[in-house]
Every structure is written in structure tokens, then in C-alpha cells.
């Protein structure tokens, strides 16, 4: 166990020093990722936004506030890496385009994800947020649209929970799909609570 923890910490240091795609990053490289080998919940988002890039704290923005509300947890629990790993599809802010951010760069997945996930053996629940994470974690099981994928959440239970991005830019989607709040969020909150309780019972 100690060896795997040490290996994970070494890998995280490598990731945080990564400059692979820095020439293509308008704000430079600043990989944002959190994980400990004991984590039972994995949050797989898209990529850091500009506020996260500048603070180096994942989901340190209105999206994070909404995600924590969905999960039914406070900031302290959310940022406890021994319980919750935060591994976005792209570790650095990719830049903006039009009204939103650019897609996460693909270099991160190729260089780091398989190695990192192999050192997180206790993950019981993965929150696949947005189409990029859903494509990676669901593969051919993903539906043609994000709405269909999220609506089919029962097909991916209990290991994966597909979610829309909690960004304020998705307010219209949430308004058009009230079933998400009434049907999906209660299940999500219960699964989060159950996973954290089991983590507490079993310890490290």
C-alpha cells in the first residue's frame, strides 16, 4: 500500500510539471489534478476554467458550487483527496472560444490517464461530467447526445454516473430537463453519501 501511495505521489508530481502542450495553451501550463489512492469517488470533468487555472483549485468557481450542491457535500469534504479524486480529461485550461472554453486537449489522456487511474484502485463511483468524460468512461455505451446519456444513467449503475456540466451556461438545459433534478440528483446524493460512509467505515 505504501509503495502504491508513493508511486501515485511521484506520478502526480510528474503531471503537475507537465509541459507537453504548453505551446498551445494561451495561459501556459498549470495542470490541476487531485488524488489519493484511498479515494472512493472520482470526479471526471472536462478541463479547468480560467478561474481554476489562476487559483490551482479544481471547481473553484460557480460550477463547483453547483456540483457540491448536487453531491450534497461541503467544500471540506469535496477537497478531501483521500475520499474524492478530481481528474479532468484535460489538466490545463485550454483557452476560450466564443461563449465557452475550448475542448480539453487530448495529450493528457494519452500521456497520463491510464497510469493515474491504475493507481486509484478503490474508486466505487465515477462522475462522468460532460461529453468528453462520458466518451472516455462509457465508450460505445454512450448515447448519441448528452441528454440521452444522462437520461440513461441506470444503464451505467452503480459504477458510473453521467452528468451534465454544472456550469451556469447550462441553466437552459437544466430548465428544459426538470427530470434531472427530480430523478437523478436524489440518487446521486445518496450514492455519494453511501460511498463516503463506506470509506469512513473501512478507513485506509
N, C-alpha and C. Protein backbone atom coordinates (compact mmCIF):
# COMPACT_ATOMS: atom_id res chain seq x y z
N UNK A 1 0.83 -1.21 0.00
CA UNK A 1 0.00 0.00 0.00
C UNK A 1 0.86 1.26 0.00
N UNK A 2 1.91 1.26 0.86
CA UNK A 2 2.79 2.42 0.92
C UNK A 2 3.49 2.65 -0.41
N UNK A 3 3.89 1.54 -1.08
CA UNK A 3 4.55 1.66 -2.38
C UNK A 3 3.64 2.30 -3.41
N UNK A 4 2.36 1.88 -3.42
CA UNK A 4 1.42 2.43 -4.39
C UNK A 4 1.15 3.90 -4.10
N UNK A 5 1.10 4.27 -2.82
CA UNK A 5 0.90 5.67 -2.48
C UNK A 5 2.08 6.51 -2.95
N UNK A 6 3.27 5.98 -2.72
CA UNK A 6 4.47 6.70 -3.14
C UNK A 6 4.52 6.83 -4.66
N UNK A 7 4.12 5.76 -5.35
CA UNK A 7 4.10 5.79 -6.81
C UNK A 7 3.11 6.82 -7.33
N UNK A 8 1.95 6.91 -6.66
CA UNK A 8 0.93 7.88 -7.06
C UNK A 8 1.45 9.31 -6.85
N UNK A 9 2.06 9.56 -5.72
CA UNK A 9 2.58 10.90 -5.44
C UNK A 9 3.66 11.30 -6.44
N UNK A 10 4.50 10.33 -6.82
CA UNK A 10 5.53 10.60 -7.82
C UNK A 10 4.90 10.95 -9.16
N UNK A 11 3.87 10.19 -9.52
CA UNK A 11 3.19 10.45 -10.79
C UNK A 11 2.51 11.81 -10.77
N UNK A 12 1.88 12.17 -9.67
CA UNK A 12 1.21 13.48 -9.58
C UNK A 12 2.23 14.61 -9.71
N UNK A 13 3.41 14.42 -9.17
CA UNK A 13 4.45 15.43 -9.34
C UNK A 13 4.85 15.57 -10.81
N UNK A 14 4.93 14.43 -11.49
CA UNK A 14 5.24 14.46 -12.93
C UNK A 14 4.16 15.21 -13.70
N UNK A 15 2.90 14.90 -13.38
CA UNK A 15 1.78 15.54 -14.07
C UNK A 15 1.80 17.04 -13.84
N UNK A 16 2.03 17.46 -12.61
CA UNK A 16 2.00 18.88 -12.29
C UNK A 16 3.17 19.64 -12.90
N UNK A 17 4.17 18.91 -13.36
CA UNK A 17 5.32 19.53 -14.03
C UNK A 17 5.22 19.42 -15.55
N UNK A 18 4.11 18.85 -16.03
CA UNK A 18 3.97 18.56 -17.46
C UNK A 18 3.91 19.84 -18.30
N UNK A 19 4.62 19.84 -19.41
CA UNK A 19 4.64 20.97 -20.34
C UNK A 19 4.35 20.51 -21.78
N UNK A 20 3.78 19.31 -21.92
CA UNK A 20 3.62 18.69 -23.24
C UNK A 20 2.93 19.62 -24.23
N UNK A 21 1.84 20.22 -23.83
CA UNK A 21 1.08 21.05 -24.79
C UNK A 21 1.13 22.53 -24.46
N UNK A 22 2.10 22.95 -23.66
CA UNK A 22 2.18 24.35 -23.26
C UNK A 22 2.22 25.32 -24.45
N UNK A 23 2.90 24.99 -25.57
CA UNK A 23 2.90 25.92 -26.71
C UNK A 23 1.51 26.24 -27.24
N UNK A 24 0.54 25.35 -26.94
CA UNK A 24 -0.82 25.55 -27.44
C UNK A 24 -1.77 26.10 -26.38
N UNK A 25 -1.23 26.46 -25.22
CA UNK A 25 -2.07 26.95 -24.13
C UNK A 25 -1.89 28.46 -23.97
N UNK A 26 -2.94 29.23 -24.16
CA UNK A 26 -2.82 30.70 -24.12
C UNK A 26 -2.38 31.24 -22.77
N UNK A 27 -2.70 30.52 -21.69
CA UNK A 27 -2.31 30.97 -20.35
C UNK A 27 -1.13 30.17 -19.78
N UNK A 28 -0.54 29.31 -20.62
CA UNK A 28 0.56 28.49 -20.14
C UNK A 28 0.06 27.22 -19.44
N UNK A 29 0.99 26.37 -19.08
CA UNK A 29 0.64 25.09 -18.43
C UNK A 29 0.51 25.26 -16.93
N UNK A 30 -0.56 24.70 -16.38
CA UNK A 30 -0.76 24.64 -14.93
C UNK A 30 -1.70 23.47 -14.66
N UNK A 31 -1.19 22.23 -14.73
CA UNK A 31 -2.04 21.06 -14.54
C UNK A 31 -2.71 21.05 -13.17
N UNK A 32 -4.01 20.87 -13.16
CA UNK A 32 -4.79 20.84 -11.92
C UNK A 32 -5.41 19.46 -11.77
N UNK A 33 -4.97 18.73 -10.76
CA UNK A 33 -5.46 17.37 -10.51
C UNK A 33 -5.26 17.06 -9.04
N UNK A 34 -6.17 16.27 -8.45
CA UNK A 34 -6.06 15.86 -7.05
C UNK A 34 -6.43 14.40 -6.93
N UNK A 35 -5.65 13.65 -6.15
CA UNK A 35 -5.97 12.24 -5.98
C UNK A 35 -5.13 11.63 -4.86
N UNK A 36 -5.73 10.68 -4.16
CA UNK A 36 -5.02 9.82 -3.23
C UNK A 36 -5.52 8.41 -3.47
N UNK A 37 -4.69 7.43 -3.18
CA UNK A 37 -5.03 6.05 -3.51
C UNK A 37 -6.24 5.54 -2.75
N UNK A 38 -6.60 6.18 -1.65
CA UNK A 38 -7.75 5.73 -0.85
C UNK A 38 -9.08 6.27 -1.36
N UNK A 39 -9.07 7.18 -2.32
CA UNK A 39 -10.31 7.81 -2.80
C UNK A 39 -11.29 6.77 -3.33
N UNK A 40 -12.56 6.96 -3.01
CA UNK A 40 -13.61 6.05 -3.49
C UNK A 40 -14.50 6.69 -4.55
N UNK A 41 -14.41 8.01 -4.70
CA UNK A 41 -15.20 8.75 -5.69
C UNK A 41 -14.25 9.45 -6.64
N UNK A 42 -14.54 9.35 -7.92
CA UNK A 42 -13.74 10.02 -8.95
C UNK A 42 -14.61 11.04 -9.67
N UNK A 43 -14.19 12.28 -9.68
CA UNK A 43 -14.87 13.32 -10.45
C UNK A 43 -14.08 13.53 -11.74
N UNK A 44 -14.67 13.17 -12.86
CA UNK A 44 -14.03 13.30 -14.16
C UNK A 44 -14.72 14.42 -14.92
N UNK A 45 -14.13 15.59 -14.86
CA UNK A 45 -14.72 16.74 -15.53
C UNK A 45 -14.11 16.96 -16.90
N UNK A 46 -14.24 18.18 -17.39
CA UNK A 46 -13.77 18.50 -18.74
C UNK A 46 -12.34 19.02 -18.70
N UNK A 47 -12.15 20.25 -18.27
CA UNK A 47 -10.83 20.87 -18.13
C UNK A 47 -11.00 22.10 -17.25
N UNK A 48 -9.95 22.55 -16.59
CA UNK A 48 -10.08 23.74 -15.74
C UNK A 48 -10.50 24.97 -16.54
N UNK A 49 -11.32 25.81 -15.92
CA UNK A 49 -11.63 27.11 -16.50
C UNK A 49 -10.57 28.11 -16.08
N UNK A 50 -10.72 29.33 -16.51
CA UNK A 50 -9.70 30.34 -16.25
C UNK A 50 -9.56 30.62 -14.76
N UNK A 51 -10.66 30.63 -14.00
CA UNK A 51 -10.57 30.88 -12.56
C UNK A 51 -9.85 29.75 -11.85
N UNK A 52 -10.11 28.52 -12.27
CA UNK A 52 -9.41 27.38 -11.69
C UNK A 52 -7.93 27.42 -12.06
N UNK A 53 -7.65 27.78 -13.29
CA UNK A 53 -6.26 27.88 -13.73
C UNK A 53 -5.48 28.85 -12.84
N UNK A 54 -6.09 29.96 -12.51
CA UNK A 54 -5.38 31.00 -11.75
C UNK A 54 -5.28 30.68 -10.26
N UNK A 55 -6.19 29.85 -9.74
CA UNK A 55 -6.15 29.50 -8.32
C UNK A 55 -5.52 28.14 -8.05
N UNK A 56 -5.44 27.30 -9.10
CA UNK A 56 -4.95 25.92 -8.99
C UNK A 56 -5.84 25.05 -8.10
N UNK A 57 -7.07 25.48 -7.89
CA UNK A 57 -8.03 24.71 -7.08
C UNK A 57 -9.16 24.24 -8.00
N UNK A 58 -9.34 22.94 -8.19
CA UNK A 58 -10.37 22.46 -9.12
C UNK A 58 -11.78 22.83 -8.67
N UNK A 59 -12.61 23.17 -9.62
CA UNK A 59 -14.00 23.54 -9.37
C UNK A 59 -14.11 24.67 -8.35
N UNK A 60 -13.16 25.58 -8.39
CA UNK A 60 -13.18 26.74 -7.50
C UNK A 60 -13.90 27.90 -8.21
N UNK A 61 -15.16 27.66 -8.54
CA UNK A 61 -15.95 28.61 -9.33
C UNK A 61 -17.43 28.28 -9.17
N UNK A 62 -18.32 29.01 -9.82
CA UNK A 62 -19.75 28.71 -9.68
C UNK A 62 -20.12 27.28 -10.10
N UNK A 63 -19.39 26.72 -11.06
CA UNK A 63 -19.65 25.33 -11.44
C UNK A 63 -19.42 24.40 -10.26
N UNK A 64 -18.35 24.66 -9.52
CA UNK A 64 -18.05 23.85 -8.35
C UNK A 64 -19.09 24.00 -7.26
N UNK A 65 -19.58 25.23 -7.08
CA UNK A 65 -20.64 25.45 -6.09
C UNK A 65 -21.87 24.60 -6.41
N UNK A 66 -22.23 24.59 -7.69
CA UNK A 66 -23.41 23.81 -8.08
C UNK A 66 -23.13 22.31 -7.97
N UNK A 67 -21.93 21.88 -8.36
CA UNK A 67 -21.61 20.45 -8.28
C UNK A 67 -21.65 19.98 -6.83
N UNK A 68 -21.12 20.76 -5.90
CA UNK A 68 -21.16 20.38 -4.49
C UNK A 68 -22.60 20.30 -3.99
N UNK A 69 -23.44 21.21 -4.49
CA UNK A 69 -24.86 21.17 -4.13
C UNK A 69 -25.49 19.89 -4.65
N UNK A 70 -25.20 19.53 -5.90
CA UNK A 70 -25.72 18.29 -6.47
C UNK A 70 -25.28 17.09 -5.64
N UNK A 71 -24.03 17.10 -5.21
CA UNK A 71 -23.47 15.96 -4.48
C UNK A 71 -23.90 15.93 -3.02
N UNK A 72 -24.38 17.06 -2.51
CA UNK A 72 -24.82 17.12 -1.12
C UNK A 72 -23.67 17.15 -0.13
N UNK A 73 -22.56 17.78 -0.51
CA UNK A 73 -21.40 17.83 0.37
C UNK A 73 -20.86 19.25 0.47
N UNK A 74 -20.05 19.50 1.49
CA UNK A 74 -19.46 20.82 1.67
C UNK A 74 -18.07 20.88 1.01
N UNK A 75 -17.46 22.06 1.03
CA UNK A 75 -16.15 22.24 0.40
C UNK A 75 -15.08 21.37 1.05
N UNK A 76 -15.13 21.26 2.37
CA UNK A 76 -14.11 20.47 3.07
C UNK A 76 -14.11 19.02 2.59
N UNK A 77 -15.28 18.44 2.49
CA UNK A 77 -15.39 17.05 2.02
C UNK A 77 -14.99 16.95 0.55
N UNK A 78 -15.44 17.91 -0.23
CA UNK A 78 -15.17 17.90 -1.67
C UNK A 78 -13.66 17.91 -1.94
N UNK A 79 -12.92 18.67 -1.16
CA UNK A 79 -11.48 18.80 -1.39
C UNK A 79 -10.63 17.84 -0.56
N UNK A 80 -11.27 16.86 0.06
CA UNK A 80 -10.53 15.82 0.78
C UNK A 80 -10.12 14.75 -0.22
N UNK A 81 -8.89 14.83 -0.71
CA UNK A 81 -8.44 13.92 -1.77
C UNK A 81 -8.38 12.47 -1.32
N UNK A 82 -8.37 12.23 -0.01
CA UNK A 82 -8.37 10.85 0.47
C UNK A 82 -9.72 10.18 0.22
N UNK A 83 -10.74 11.01 -0.03
CA UNK A 83 -12.09 10.50 -0.32
C UNK A 83 -12.49 10.70 -1.78
N UNK A 84 -12.14 11.87 -2.32
CA UNK A 84 -12.60 12.25 -3.67
C UNK A 84 -11.42 12.64 -4.54
N UNK A 85 -11.22 11.92 -5.63
CA UNK A 85 -10.20 12.26 -6.61
C UNK A 85 -10.83 13.13 -7.70
N UNK A 86 -10.11 14.16 -8.13
CA UNK A 86 -10.59 15.06 -9.18
C UNK A 86 -9.61 14.99 -10.34
N UNK A 87 -10.04 14.31 -11.41
CA UNK A 87 -9.16 14.04 -12.55
C UNK A 87 -9.88 14.46 -13.83
N UNK A 88 -9.72 15.71 -14.27
CA UNK A 88 -10.39 16.14 -15.50
C UNK A 88 -9.78 15.50 -16.74
N UNK A 89 -10.50 15.54 -17.84
CA UNK A 89 -9.99 14.96 -19.08
C UNK A 89 -8.77 15.73 -19.59
N UNK A 90 -8.76 17.04 -19.36
CA UNK A 90 -7.60 17.86 -19.66
C UNK A 90 -7.18 18.56 -18.39
N UNK A 91 -5.91 18.54 -18.06
CA UNK A 91 -5.46 19.07 -16.78
C UNK A 91 -5.23 20.59 -16.79
N UNK A 92 -5.10 21.18 -17.98
CA UNK A 92 -4.82 22.61 -18.08
C UNK A 92 -5.96 23.35 -18.78
N UNK A 93 -6.08 24.64 -18.48
CA UNK A 93 -7.06 25.48 -19.14
C UNK A 93 -6.71 25.56 -20.64
N UNK A 94 -7.63 25.13 -21.51
CA UNK A 94 -7.32 25.05 -22.94
C UNK A 94 -7.49 26.36 -23.71
N UNK A 95 -8.07 27.36 -23.05
CA UNK A 95 -8.36 28.61 -23.75
C UNK A 95 -9.85 28.74 -24.03
N UNK A 96 -10.27 29.89 -24.46
CA UNK A 96 -11.68 30.16 -24.70
C UNK A 96 -11.97 30.31 -26.19
N UNK A 97 -13.22 30.04 -26.54
CA UNK A 97 -13.68 30.22 -27.92
C UNK A 97 -15.14 30.60 -27.89
N UNK A 98 -15.46 31.78 -28.38
CA UNK A 98 -16.85 32.20 -28.39
C UNK A 98 -17.38 32.36 -26.98
N UNK A 99 -18.48 31.69 -26.67
CA UNK A 99 -19.12 31.83 -25.36
C UNK A 99 -18.63 30.82 -24.34
N UNK A 100 -17.75 29.92 -24.75
CA UNK A 100 -17.28 28.90 -23.82
C UNK A 100 -15.80 28.62 -23.98
N UNK A 101 -15.35 27.60 -23.26
CA UNK A 101 -13.95 27.19 -23.34
C UNK A 101 -13.75 26.18 -24.46
N UNK A 102 -12.52 26.09 -24.92
CA UNK A 102 -12.17 25.08 -25.92
C UNK A 102 -12.25 23.68 -25.31
N UNK A 103 -12.35 22.64 -26.14
CA UNK A 103 -12.35 21.28 -25.61
C UNK A 103 -11.04 20.97 -24.89
N UNK A 104 -11.06 20.03 -23.95
CA UNK A 104 -9.81 19.63 -23.30
C UNK A 104 -8.84 19.06 -24.33
N UNK A 105 -7.57 19.35 -24.16
CA UNK A 105 -6.59 18.83 -25.09
C UNK A 105 -6.42 17.33 -24.89
N UNK A 106 -6.13 16.62 -25.99
CA UNK A 106 -6.09 15.17 -25.95
C UNK A 106 -4.79 14.60 -25.40
N UNK A 107 -3.77 15.46 -25.28
CA UNK A 107 -2.48 14.97 -24.83
C UNK A 107 -2.54 14.36 -23.42
N UNK A 108 -3.39 14.92 -22.56
CA UNK A 108 -3.47 14.44 -21.18
C UNK A 108 -3.89 12.98 -21.10
N UNK A 109 -4.93 12.64 -21.84
CA UNK A 109 -5.42 11.27 -21.83
C UNK A 109 -4.34 10.30 -22.29
N UNK A 110 -3.68 10.67 -23.39
CA UNK A 110 -2.65 9.78 -23.94
C UNK A 110 -1.46 9.62 -23.00
N UNK A 111 -1.08 10.69 -22.36
CA UNK A 111 0.14 10.67 -21.55
C UNK A 111 -0.08 10.17 -20.12
N UNK A 112 -1.25 10.45 -19.53
CA UNK A 112 -1.37 10.28 -18.10
C UNK A 112 -2.52 9.43 -17.57
N UNK A 113 -3.66 9.43 -18.23
CA UNK A 113 -4.86 8.88 -17.59
C UNK A 113 -4.76 7.40 -17.22
N UNK A 114 -4.29 6.57 -18.11
CA UNK A 114 -4.23 5.15 -17.80
C UNK A 114 -3.33 4.88 -16.60
N UNK A 115 -2.19 5.55 -16.56
CA UNK A 115 -1.26 5.37 -15.45
C UNK A 115 -1.87 5.86 -14.14
N UNK A 116 -2.54 6.99 -14.20
CA UNK A 116 -3.12 7.57 -12.99
C UNK A 116 -4.27 6.72 -12.47
N UNK A 117 -5.18 6.32 -13.33
CA UNK A 117 -6.34 5.54 -12.91
C UNK A 117 -5.94 4.17 -12.35
N UNK A 118 -4.84 3.62 -12.84
CA UNK A 118 -4.38 2.32 -12.34
C UNK A 118 -3.91 2.41 -10.89
N UNK A 119 -3.63 3.62 -10.42
CA UNK A 119 -3.18 3.82 -9.04
C UNK A 119 -4.30 4.31 -8.13
N UNK A 120 -5.54 4.21 -8.63
CA UNK A 120 -6.73 4.55 -7.84
C UNK A 120 -7.63 3.32 -7.76
N UNK A 121 -7.22 2.30 -7.00
CA UNK A 121 -7.91 1.01 -7.02
C UNK A 121 -9.22 0.97 -6.23
N UNK A 122 -9.50 2.01 -5.45
CA UNK A 122 -10.67 1.97 -4.57
C UNK A 122 -11.88 2.76 -5.08
N UNK A 123 -11.78 3.26 -6.31
CA UNK A 123 -12.90 4.04 -6.86
C UNK A 123 -14.14 3.16 -7.02
N UNK A 124 -15.23 3.59 -6.39
CA UNK A 124 -16.50 2.87 -6.50
C UNK A 124 -17.51 3.62 -7.38
N UNK A 125 -17.32 4.93 -7.47
CA UNK A 125 -18.27 5.75 -8.23
C UNK A 125 -17.51 6.81 -9.01
N UNK A 126 -17.75 6.86 -10.33
CA UNK A 126 -17.15 7.87 -11.19
C UNK A 126 -18.24 8.80 -11.70
N UNK A 127 -18.07 10.09 -11.47
CA UNK A 127 -18.99 11.09 -12.02
C UNK A 127 -18.40 11.56 -13.34
N UNK A 128 -19.01 11.12 -14.43
CA UNK A 128 -18.55 11.48 -15.78
C UNK A 128 -19.29 12.73 -16.22
N UNK A 129 -18.61 13.88 -16.11
CA UNK A 129 -19.26 15.17 -16.33
C UNK A 129 -18.98 15.67 -17.74
N UNK A 130 -20.03 15.76 -18.55
CA UNK A 130 -19.90 16.26 -19.92
C UNK A 130 -19.53 15.18 -20.92
N UNK A 131 -19.60 15.54 -22.20
CA UNK A 131 -19.46 14.54 -23.26
C UNK A 131 -18.05 13.96 -23.37
N UNK A 132 -17.03 14.74 -23.01
CA UNK A 132 -15.67 14.23 -23.16
C UNK A 132 -15.38 13.13 -22.14
N UNK A 133 -15.78 13.35 -20.91
CA UNK A 133 -15.62 12.33 -19.89
C UNK A 133 -16.51 11.12 -20.18
N UNK A 134 -17.71 11.38 -20.66
CA UNK A 134 -18.62 10.27 -20.96
C UNK A 134 -18.10 9.43 -22.12
N UNK A 135 -17.49 10.06 -23.10
CA UNK A 135 -16.90 9.31 -24.21
C UNK A 135 -15.78 8.40 -23.72
N UNK A 136 -14.98 8.91 -22.81
CA UNK A 136 -13.83 8.15 -22.31
C UNK A 136 -14.27 7.00 -21.41
N UNK A 137 -15.17 7.27 -20.47
CA UNK A 137 -15.53 6.27 -19.47
C UNK A 137 -16.65 5.32 -19.92
N UNK A 138 -17.47 5.76 -20.85
CA UNK A 138 -18.57 4.90 -21.31
C UNK A 138 -18.29 4.26 -22.67
N UNK A 139 -17.41 4.85 -23.45
CA UNK A 139 -17.08 4.28 -24.75
C UNK A 139 -18.31 4.12 -25.63
N UNK A 140 -18.48 2.93 -26.18
CA UNK A 140 -19.60 2.67 -27.10
C UNK A 140 -20.94 2.63 -26.39
N UNK A 141 -20.94 2.62 -25.07
CA UNK A 141 -22.20 2.63 -24.32
C UNK A 141 -22.81 4.01 -24.25
N UNK A 142 -22.04 5.03 -24.61
CA UNK A 142 -22.56 6.40 -24.58
C UNK A 142 -23.62 6.57 -25.66
N UNK A 143 -24.67 7.30 -25.35
CA UNK A 143 -25.75 7.58 -26.31
C UNK A 143 -25.35 8.71 -27.26
N UNK A 144 -26.13 8.92 -28.32
CA UNK A 144 -25.77 9.95 -29.32
C UNK A 144 -25.68 11.37 -28.76
N UNK A 145 -26.44 11.68 -27.72
CA UNK A 145 -26.40 13.03 -27.15
C UNK A 145 -26.16 12.95 -25.65
N UNK A 146 -25.71 14.07 -25.09
CA UNK A 146 -25.50 14.12 -23.65
C UNK A 146 -26.82 13.91 -22.91
N UNK A 147 -27.89 14.51 -23.40
CA UNK A 147 -29.19 14.36 -22.73
C UNK A 147 -29.61 12.91 -22.66
N UNK A 148 -29.46 12.19 -23.76
CA UNK A 148 -29.83 10.77 -23.78
C UNK A 148 -28.94 9.97 -22.85
N UNK A 149 -27.66 10.31 -22.81
CA UNK A 149 -26.73 9.59 -21.95
C UNK A 149 -27.09 9.79 -20.48
N UNK A 150 -27.33 11.03 -20.09
CA UNK A 150 -27.69 11.31 -18.70
C UNK A 150 -29.01 10.65 -18.35
N UNK A 151 -29.95 10.66 -19.29
CA UNK A 151 -31.26 10.06 -19.05
C UNK A 151 -31.17 8.54 -18.89
N UNK A 152 -30.11 7.96 -19.43
CA UNK A 152 -29.92 6.51 -19.36
C UNK A 152 -29.00 6.11 -18.21
N UNK A 153 -28.91 6.93 -17.18
CA UNK A 153 -27.96 6.72 -16.09
C UNK A 153 -28.07 5.35 -15.44
N UNK A 154 -29.28 4.77 -15.44
CA UNK A 154 -29.46 3.45 -14.81
C UNK A 154 -28.65 2.37 -15.50
N UNK A 155 -28.38 2.56 -16.80
CA UNK A 155 -27.62 1.56 -17.55
C UNK A 155 -26.16 1.49 -17.10
N UNK A 156 -25.68 2.56 -16.49
CA UNK A 156 -24.26 2.62 -16.12
C UNK A 156 -24.03 2.41 -14.63
N UNK A 157 -25.12 2.18 -13.91
CA UNK A 157 -25.02 1.99 -12.47
C UNK A 157 -24.39 0.63 -12.14
N UNK A 158 -23.76 0.53 -10.97
CA UNK A 158 -23.56 1.59 -9.98
C UNK A 158 -22.21 2.31 -10.12
N UNK A 159 -21.41 1.89 -11.10
CA UNK A 159 -20.03 2.38 -11.16
C UNK A 159 -19.88 3.79 -11.72
N UNK A 160 -20.76 4.17 -12.66
CA UNK A 160 -20.59 5.45 -13.35
C UNK A 160 -21.90 6.23 -13.34
N UNK A 161 -21.80 7.52 -13.07
CA UNK A 161 -22.96 8.40 -13.10
C UNK A 161 -22.67 9.52 -14.10
N UNK A 162 -23.32 9.50 -15.28
CA UNK A 162 -23.12 10.59 -16.25
C UNK A 162 -23.89 11.83 -15.84
N UNK A 163 -23.24 12.98 -15.93
CA UNK A 163 -23.87 14.23 -15.52
C UNK A 163 -23.64 15.31 -16.57
N UNK A 164 -24.54 16.28 -16.64
CA UNK A 164 -24.26 17.47 -17.47
C UNK A 164 -23.23 18.32 -16.73
N UNK A 165 -22.62 19.24 -17.42
CA UNK A 165 -21.68 20.12 -16.73
C UNK A 165 -22.47 21.08 -15.83
N UNK A 166 -22.00 21.31 -14.61
CA UNK A 166 -22.74 22.19 -13.69
C UNK A 166 -22.56 23.68 -13.95
N UNK A 167 -21.96 24.03 -15.06
CA UNK A 167 -21.72 25.43 -15.38
C UNK A 167 -23.02 26.23 -15.47
N UNK A 168 -23.00 27.49 -15.06
CA UNK A 168 -24.17 28.36 -15.25
C UNK A 168 -24.61 28.45 -16.72
N UNK A 169 -23.68 28.16 -17.64
CA UNK A 169 -24.05 28.17 -19.06
C UNK A 169 -25.06 27.08 -19.38
N UNK A 170 -25.21 26.11 -18.47
CA UNK A 170 -26.16 25.02 -18.70
C UNK A 170 -27.50 25.25 -18.03
N UNK A 171 -27.76 26.48 -17.59
CA UNK A 171 -29.03 26.77 -16.93
C UNK A 171 -30.22 26.45 -17.83
N UNK A 172 -30.10 26.74 -19.12
CA UNK A 172 -31.20 26.46 -20.05
C UNK A 172 -31.45 24.97 -20.15
N UNK A 173 -30.36 24.17 -20.21
CA UNK A 173 -30.51 22.71 -20.27
C UNK A 173 -31.23 22.20 -19.03
N UNK A 174 -30.85 22.70 -17.88
CA UNK A 174 -31.47 22.26 -16.63
C UNK A 174 -32.96 22.64 -16.60
N UNK A 175 -33.27 23.81 -17.15
CA UNK A 175 -34.67 24.24 -17.20
C UNK A 175 -35.49 23.37 -18.13
N UNK A 176 -34.87 22.94 -19.25
CA UNK A 176 -35.59 22.11 -20.23
C UNK A 176 -35.70 20.66 -19.78
N UNK A 177 -34.88 20.25 -18.82
CA UNK A 177 -34.86 18.85 -18.39
C UNK A 177 -35.06 18.75 -16.88
N UNK A 178 -36.27 19.09 -16.40
CA UNK A 178 -36.54 19.08 -14.96
C UNK A 178 -36.41 17.70 -14.32
N UNK A 179 -36.51 16.63 -15.13
CA UNK A 179 -36.36 15.27 -14.61
C UNK A 179 -34.99 15.05 -13.98
N UNK A 180 -33.98 15.82 -14.44
CA UNK A 180 -32.65 15.64 -13.89
C UNK A 180 -32.63 15.95 -12.40
N UNK A 181 -33.28 17.04 -12.03
CA UNK A 181 -33.31 17.43 -10.62
C UNK A 181 -34.17 16.51 -9.79
N UNK A 182 -35.29 16.06 -10.34
CA UNK A 182 -36.23 15.26 -9.55
C UNK A 182 -35.86 13.77 -9.52
N UNK A 183 -35.26 13.26 -10.62
CA UNK A 183 -34.99 11.83 -10.70
C UNK A 183 -33.54 11.46 -10.45
N UNK A 184 -32.62 12.26 -10.97
CA UNK A 184 -31.20 11.89 -10.93
C UNK A 184 -30.49 12.39 -9.68
N UNK A 185 -30.72 13.64 -9.32
CA UNK A 185 -29.97 14.21 -8.21
C UNK A 185 -30.19 13.50 -6.87
N UNK A 186 -31.42 13.06 -6.54
CA UNK A 186 -31.58 12.31 -5.29
C UNK A 186 -30.74 11.03 -5.26
N UNK A 187 -30.67 10.36 -6.41
CA UNK A 187 -29.86 9.14 -6.49
C UNK A 187 -28.39 9.47 -6.34
N UNK A 188 -27.96 10.54 -7.02
CA UNK A 188 -26.56 10.96 -6.92
C UNK A 188 -26.18 11.26 -5.48
N UNK A 189 -27.00 12.05 -4.79
CA UNK A 189 -26.71 12.42 -3.41
C UNK A 189 -26.61 11.19 -2.52
N UNK A 190 -27.51 10.24 -2.71
CA UNK A 190 -27.49 9.02 -1.91
C UNK A 190 -26.24 8.19 -2.19
N UNK A 191 -25.83 8.11 -3.45
CA UNK A 191 -24.65 7.33 -3.79
C UNK A 191 -23.38 7.97 -3.23
N UNK A 192 -23.33 9.28 -3.26
CA UNK A 192 -22.19 9.98 -2.69
C UNK A 192 -22.11 9.70 -1.19
N UNK A 193 -23.24 9.86 -0.50
CA UNK A 193 -23.27 9.64 0.94
C UNK A 193 -22.89 8.20 1.28
N UNK A 194 -23.39 7.25 0.51
CA UNK A 194 -23.10 5.84 0.75
C UNK A 194 -21.61 5.55 0.55
N UNK A 195 -21.05 6.09 -0.50
CA UNK A 195 -19.64 5.86 -0.78
C UNK A 195 -18.75 6.46 0.31
N UNK A 196 -19.08 7.66 0.75
CA UNK A 196 -18.29 8.31 1.79
C UNK A 196 -18.43 7.59 3.13
N UNK A 197 -19.62 7.06 3.41
CA UNK A 197 -19.82 6.33 4.63
C UNK A 197 -19.01 5.03 4.65
N UNK A 198 -19.00 4.33 3.52
CA UNK A 198 -18.22 3.10 3.43
C UNK A 198 -16.73 3.40 3.54
N UNK A 199 -16.32 4.51 2.96
CA UNK A 199 -14.91 4.93 3.07
C UNK A 199 -14.56 5.18 4.53
N UNK A 200 -15.47 5.80 5.27
CA UNK A 200 -15.23 6.10 6.68
C UNK A 200 -15.16 4.80 7.50
N UNK A 201 -16.04 3.85 7.16
CA UNK A 201 -16.08 2.60 7.90
C UNK A 201 -14.81 1.76 7.69
N UNK A 202 -14.32 1.74 6.46
CA UNK A 202 -13.17 0.90 6.14
C UNK A 202 -11.84 1.60 6.36
N UNK A 203 -11.89 2.94 6.43
CA UNK A 203 -10.64 3.69 6.62
C UNK A 203 -9.71 3.48 5.46
N UNK A 204 -8.40 3.56 5.71
CA UNK A 204 -7.41 3.36 4.65
C UNK A 204 -7.20 1.89 4.36
